[in-house]
C-alpha atoms as a PDB file:
ATOM      1  CA  MET A   1       0.000   0.000   0.000  1.00  0.00           C
ATOM      2  CA  SER A   2       1.135   3.509  -0.749  1.00  0.00           C
ATOM      3  CA  TRP A   3      -0.308   6.996  -0.594  1.00  0.00           C
ATOM      4  CA  GLU A   4      -1.342   9.022  -3.599  1.00  0.00           C
ATOM      5  CA  ILE A   5      -1.072  12.721  -2.823  1.00  0.00           C
ATOM      6  CA  GLU A   6      -2.660  14.616  -5.662  1.00  0.00           C
ATOM      7  CA  ARG A   7      -4.338  17.943  -6.353  1.00  0.00           C
ATOM      8  CA  ARG A   8      -6.817  18.402  -9.197  1.00  0.00           C
ATOM      9  CA  TYR A   9      -8.028  21.528 -10.962  1.00  0.00           C
ATOM     10  CA  LEU A  10     -10.817  22.308 -13.385  1.00  0.00           C
ATOM     11  CA  VAL A  11      -9.172  24.165 -16.255  1.00  0.00           C
ATOM     12  CA  ARG A  12      -9.853  25.863 -19.549  1.00  0.00           C
ATOM     13  CA  VAL A  13      -7.506  25.226 -22.456  1.00  0.00           C
ATOM     14  CA  PRO A  14      -7.607  27.376 -25.604  1.00  0.00           C
ATOM     15  CA  PRO A  15      -8.212  25.193 -28.691  1.00  0.00           C
ATOM     16  CA  GLU A  16      -4.962  26.345 -30.325  1.00  0.00           C
ATOM     17  CA  ALA A  17      -2.902  25.174 -27.326  1.00  0.00           C
ATOM     18  CA  TRP A  18      -3.707  21.466 -27.756  1.00  0.00           C
ATOM     19  CA  SER A  19      -1.389  20.988 -30.744  1.00  0.00           C
ATOM     20  CA  GLY A  20       1.558  22.156 -28.627  1.00  0.00           C
ATOM     21  CA  PHE A  21       0.947  19.450 -26.026  1.00  0.00           C
ATOM     22  CA  GLY A  22       1.757  16.560 -28.356  1.00  0.00           C
ATOM     23  CA  GLU A  23      -0.188  13.388 -28.970  1.00  0.00           C
ATOM     24  CA  GLY A  24      -0.774  12.381 -25.361  1.00  0.00           C
ATOM     25  CA  ARG A  25      -1.619   8.925 -24.050  1.00  0.00           C
ATOM     26  CA  HIS A  26      -5.077   7.430 -24.596  1.00  0.00           C
ATOM     27  CA  LEU A  27      -6.370   5.907 -21.353  1.00  0.00           C
ATOM     28  CA  ARG A  28      -9.421   3.716 -20.889  1.00  0.00           C
ATOM     29  CA  GLN A  29     -10.590   3.174 -17.319  1.00  0.00           C
ATOM     30  CA  GLY A  30     -13.237   0.724 -16.118  1.00  0.00           C
ATOM     31  CA  TYR A  31     -14.641   0.892 -12.597  1.00  0.00           C
ATOM     32  CA  VAL A  32     -15.539  -2.484 -11.105  1.00  0.00           C
ATOM     33  CA  VAL A  33     -16.271  -0.750  -7.779  1.00  0.00           C
ATOM     34  CA  ALA A  34     -16.962   2.995  -7.695  1.00  0.00           C
ATOM     35  CA  GLY A  35     -17.161   5.246  -4.670  1.00  0.00           C
ATOM     36  CA  PRO A  36     -14.957   5.983  -1.647  1.00  0.00           C
ATOM     37  CA  LYS A  37     -13.420   2.546  -2.200  1.00  0.00           C
ATOM     38  CA  THR A  38     -12.587   2.083  -5.859  1.00  0.00           C
ATOM     39  CA  VAL A  39     -11.384  -0.841  -7.964  1.00  0.00           C
ATOM     40  CA  ARG A  40     -10.280   0.287 -11.419  1.00  0.00           C
ATOM     41  CA  ILE A  41      -8.732  -1.341 -14.474  1.00  0.00           C
ATOM     42  CA  ARG A  42      -6.827   0.901 -16.881  1.00  0.00           C
ATOM     43  CA  SER A  43      -5.425   0.371 -20.355  1.00  0.00           C
ATOM     44  CA  GLY A  44      -2.980   2.681 -22.056  1.00  0.00           C
ATOM     45  CA  GLU A  45      -0.224   2.585 -19.450  1.00  0.00           C
ATOM     46  CA  GLU A  46       3.347   1.915 -20.637  1.00  0.00           C
ATOM     47  CA  ARG A  47       3.585  -0.996 -18.212  1.00  0.00           C
ATOM     48  CA  GLY A  48       0.419  -2.694 -19.511  1.00  0.00           C
ATOM     49  CA  PHE A  49      -2.998  -3.167 -17.926  1.00  0.00           C
ATOM     50  CA  VAL A  50      -3.015  -1.767 -14.386  1.00  0.00           C
ATOM     51  CA  LEU A  51      -5.461  -2.749 -11.666  1.00  0.00           C
ATOM     52  CA  THR A  52      -5.762  -0.061  -8.977  1.00  0.00           C
ATOM     53  CA  CYS A  53      -7.536  -0.133  -5.630  1.00  0.00           C
ATOM     54  CA  LYS A  54      -8.025   3.252  -3.942  1.00  0.00           C
ATOM     55  CA  ARG A  55      -9.552   4.265  -0.652  1.00  0.00           C
ATOM     56  CA  GLY A  56     -10.294   7.698   0.762  1.00  0.00           C
ATOM     57  CA  SER A  57     -11.000  11.111  -0.647  1.00  0.00           C
ATOM     58  CA  GLY A  58      -9.375  14.488  -1.001  1.00  0.00           C
ATOM     59  CA  ILE A  59      -5.696  15.197  -1.440  1.00  0.00           C
ATOM     60  CA  ARG A  60      -4.343  11.990   0.195  1.00  0.00           C
ATOM     61  CA  ARG A  61      -5.683   8.533  -0.665  1.00  0.00           C
ATOM     62  CA  GLU A  62      -4.472   4.993  -0.131  1.00  0.00           C
ATOM     63  CA  GLU A  63      -3.541   3.262  -3.374  1.00  0.00           C
ATOM     64  CA  VAL A  64      -2.439  -0.234  -4.386  1.00  0.00           C
ATOM     65  CA  GLU A  65      -1.583  -1.100  -7.990  1.00  0.00           C
ATOM     66  CA  ALA A  66      -0.722  -4.279  -9.890  1.00  0.00           C
ATOM     67  CA  VAL A  67      -0.049  -5.029 -13.535  1.00  0.00           C
ATOM     68  CA  VAL A  68      -2.438  -7.742 -14.739  1.00  0.00           C
ATOM     69  CA  ALA A  69      -2.552 -10.057 -17.737  1.00  0.00           C
ATOM     70  CA  PRO A  70      -4.655  -9.048 -20.760  1.00  0.00           C
ATOM     71  CA  ASP A  71      -7.270 -11.779 -20.150  1.00  0.00           C
ATOM     72  CA  MET A  72      -7.719 -10.598 -16.559  1.00  0.00           C
ATOM     73  CA  ALA A  73      -7.986  -6.986 -17.749  1.00  0.00           C
ATOM     74  CA  GLU A  74     -10.670  -7.943 -20.273  1.00  0.00           C
ATOM     75  CA  ALA A  75     -12.667  -9.737 -17.562  1.00  0.00           C
ATOM     76  CA  LEU A  76     -12.397  -6.657 -15.336  1.00  0.00           C
ATOM     77  CA  PHE A  77     -13.529  -4.328 -18.141  1.00  0.00           C
ATOM     78  CA  GLU A  78     -16.539  -6.629 -18.658  1.00  0.00           C
ATOM     79  CA  ALA A  79     -17.277  -6.477 -14.916  1.00  0.00           C
ATOM     80  CA  ALA A  80     -17.155  -2.668 -15.092  1.00  0.00           C
ATOM     81  CA  GLU A  81     -20.066  -2.813 -17.584  1.00  0.00           C
ATOM     82  CA  ASP A  82     -20.847   0.787 -18.629  1.00  0.00           C
ATOM     83  CA  ARG A  83     -18.755   2.427 -15.875  1.00  0.00           C
ATOM     84  CA  ILE A  84     -15.958   3.212 -18.338  1.00  0.00           C
ATOM     85  CA  ILE A  85     -14.373   6.535 -19.181  1.00  0.00           C
ATOM     86  CA  GLU A  86     -11.794   7.460 -21.776  1.00  0.00           C
ATOM     87  CA  LYS A  87      -9.406  10.349 -21.822  1.00  0.00           C
ATOM     88  CA  VAL A  88      -6.187  11.559 -23.373  1.00  0.00           C
ATOM     89  CA  ARG A  89      -3.500  12.416 -20.848  1.00  0.00           C
ATOM     90  CA  HIS A  90      -0.759  14.919 -21.653  1.00  0.00           C
ATOM     91  CA  ARG A  91       2.374  15.094 -19.507  1.00  0.00           C
ATOM     92  CA  LEU A  92       3.381  18.751 -19.096  1.00  0.00           C
ATOM     93  CA  GLY A  93       6.429  18.845 -16.836  1.00  0.00           C
ATOM     94  CA  PRO A  94       5.226  17.797 -13.371  1.00  0.00           C
ATOM     95  CA  TRP A  95       1.585  18.246 -14.431  1.00  0.00           C
ATOM     96  CA  GLU A  96      -0.843  15.870 -16.143  1.00  0.00           C
ATOM     97  CA  LEU A  97      -3.606  17.349 -18.281  1.00  0.00           C
ATOM     98  CA  ASP A  98      -6.606  15.100 -18.940  1.00  0.00           C
ATOM     99  CA  ARG A  99      -8.912  15.737 -21.904  1.00  0.00           C
ATOM    100  CA  PHE A 100     -11.975  13.557 -21.471  1.00  0.00           C
ATOM    101  CA  LEU A 101     -13.615  11.868 -24.446  1.00  0.00           C
ATOM    102  CA  GLY A 102     -17.113  10.669 -25.322  1.00  0.00           C
ATOM    103  CA  ALA A 103     -19.993  12.112 -23.312  1.00  0.00           C
ATOM    104  CA  LEU A 104     -17.464  13.887 -21.043  1.00  0.00           C
ATOM    105  CA  GLU A 105     -15.931  15.752 -24.018  1.00  0.00           C
ATOM    106  CA  GLY A 106     -15.103  19.299 -22.997  1.00  0.00           C
ATOM    107  CA  LEU A 107     -14.016  18.390 -19.468  1.00  0.00           C
ATOM    108  CA  HIS A 108     -10.365  19.225 -18.831  1.00  0.00           C
ATOM    109  CA  LEU A 109      -8.647  18.487 -15.517  1.00  0.00           C
ATOM    110  CA  LEU A 110      -5.096  19.346 -14.535  1.00  0.00           C
ATOM    111  CA  GLU A 111      -3.474  17.145 -11.870  1.00  0.00           C
ATOM    112  CA  ILE A 112      -0.248  17.122  -9.979  1.00  0.00           C
ATOM    113  CA  GLU A 113       1.170  14.484  -7.642  1.00  0.00           C
ATOM    114  CA  LEU A 114       3.000  15.827  -4.624  1.00  0.00           C
ATOM    115  CA  ASP A 115       5.385  14.422  -2.015  1.00  0.00           C
ATOM    116  CA  ALA A 116       3.345  15.804   0.891  1.00  0.00           C
ATOM    117  CA  PRO A 117      -0.135  17.290   1.333  1.00  0.00           C
ATOM    118  CA  ASP A 118       1.340  20.688   2.245  1.00  0.00           C
ATOM    119  CA  ALA A 119       3.956  20.723  -0.542  1.00  0.00           C
ATOM    120  CA  ALA A 120       4.156  23.844  -2.685  1.00  0.00           C
ATOM    121  CA  VAL A 121       2.330  23.570  -5.995  1.00  0.00           C
ATOM    122  CA  PRO A 122       4.382  24.749  -8.982  1.00  0.00           C
ATOM    123  CA  SER A 123       2.939  27.183 -11.480  1.00  0.00           C
ATOM    124  CA  PRO A 124       0.747  25.512 -14.104  1.00  0.00           C
ATOM    125  CA  PRO A 125       1.631  25.647 -17.796  1.00  0.00           C
ATOM    126  CA  ALA A 126       1.151  29.202 -19.102  1.00  0.00           C
ATOM    127  CA  GLU A 127      -1.408  28.206 -21.753  1.00  0.00           C
ATOM    128  CA  ILE A 128      -3.828  26.736 -19.184  1.00  0.00           C
ATOM    129  CA  SER A 129      -6.286  28.756 -17.097  1.00  0.00           C
ATOM    130  CA  ILE A 130      -7.091  27.235 -13.716  1.00  0.00           C
ATOM    131  CA  LEU A 131     -10.756  27.876 -12.964  1.00  0.00           C
ATOM    132  CA  ARG A 132     -10.879  26.273  -9.527  1.00  0.00           C
ATOM    133  CA  GLU A 133      -9.419  23.487  -7.435  1.00  0.00           C
ATOM    134  CA  VAL A 134     -11.610  20.366  -7.378  1.00  0.00           C
ATOM    135  CA  THR A 135      -9.473  18.070  -5.207  1.00  0.00           C
ATOM    136  CA  ASP A 136     -12.107  17.926  -2.468  1.00  0.00           C
ATOM    137  CA  ASP A 137     -15.102  17.901  -4.835  1.00  0.00           C
ATOM    138  CA  ASN A 138     -16.062  14.236  -5.255  1.00  0.00           C
ATOM    139  CA  ARG A 139     -18.065  15.064  -8.389  1.00  0.00           C
ATOM    140  CA  PHE A 140     -14.721  15.232 -10.224  1.00  0.00           C
ATOM    141  CA  VAL A 141     -13.428  11.828  -9.123  1.00  0.00           C
ATOM    142  CA  SER A 142     -13.187   9.581 -12.189  1.00  0.00           C
ATOM    143  CA  SER A 143     -15.169   6.759 -10.571  1.00  0.00           C
ATOM    144  CA  MET A 144     -18.076   9.154 -10.004  1.00  0.00           C
ATOM    145  CA  LEU A 145     -17.850  10.446 -13.567  1.00  0.00           C
ATOM    146  CA  ALA A 146     -17.942   6.860 -14.838  1.00  0.00           C
ATOM    147  CA  SER A 147     -21.052   6.138 -12.766  1.00  0.00           C
ATOM    148  CA  MET A 148     -23.115   8.803 -14.575  1.00  0.00           C
ATOM    149  CA  THR A 149     -25.221   8.037 -17.632  1.00  0.00           C
ATOM    150  CA  PRO A 150     -23.940   9.575 -20.874  1.00  0.00           C
ATOM    151  CA  ASP A 151     -26.799  12.131 -20.894  1.00  0.00           C
ATOM    152  CA  HIS A 152     -25.963  13.131 -17.326  1.00  0.00           C
ATOM    153  CA  GLN A 153     -22.261  13.366 -18.191  1.00  0.00           C
ATOM    154  CA  ARG A 154     -22.956  15.737 -21.103  1.00  0.00           C
ATOM    155  CA  SER A 155     -25.244  18.028 -19.124  1.00  0.00           C
ATOM    156  CA  TRP A 156     -22.963  17.894 -16.076  1.00  0.00           C
ATOM    157  CA  VAL A 157     -19.908  19.059 -18.067  1.00  0.00           C
ATOM    158  CA  ARG A 158     -21.871  21.995 -19.499  1.00  0.00           C
ATOM    159  CA  GLY A 159     -23.166  22.867 -16.021  1.00  0.00           C
ATOM    160  CA  VAL A 160     -19.748  22.771 -14.374  1.00  0.00           C
ATOM    161  CA  TYR A 161     -18.321  25.297 -16.815  1.00  0.00           C
ATOM    162  CA  ARG A 162     -21.465  27.447 -16.543  1.00  0.00           C
ATOM    163  CA  GLU A 163     -20.927  27.551 -12.756  1.00  0.00           C
ATOM    164  CA  VAL A 164     -17.445  29.047 -13.103  1.00  0.00           C
ATOM    165  CA  ASP A 165     -18.498  31.468 -15.847  1.00  0.00           C
ATOM    166  CA  GLN A 166     -21.150  33.113 -13.664  1.00  0.00           C
END
């Protein structure tokens, strides 16, 4: 078991900036268990299919990971049923920028992993506008996003950006 210490931000990215971020890595995540205790399978990692178990909320969460065989990963994706999200992740220095796909298209989250909960957060990439921190807002946890219906995902994304524009 280890600790994941991470801060997340809702961001706006100008359309012209995306080409400067490179191709990114396409990730597919299936949630077998969603909620405060999460069991997730992910494809698109360099090391192969990764099974992750997380517990907790906020900036510091317990995390255990294991690389699994493709047949196990397929069985876990089947068990996740429709609780699957896809995104493209861009590595920007110490930051990771996620551009969600499908019904969550338009949602952009910027994340950074830290060594300690009170560690200083470096400046984000200049092209990206941070709208607000969402680390403690469980609506932005990927397992919760995956638990929404596609119609709810689409309307939710529009609503979240409307909230910050008011």
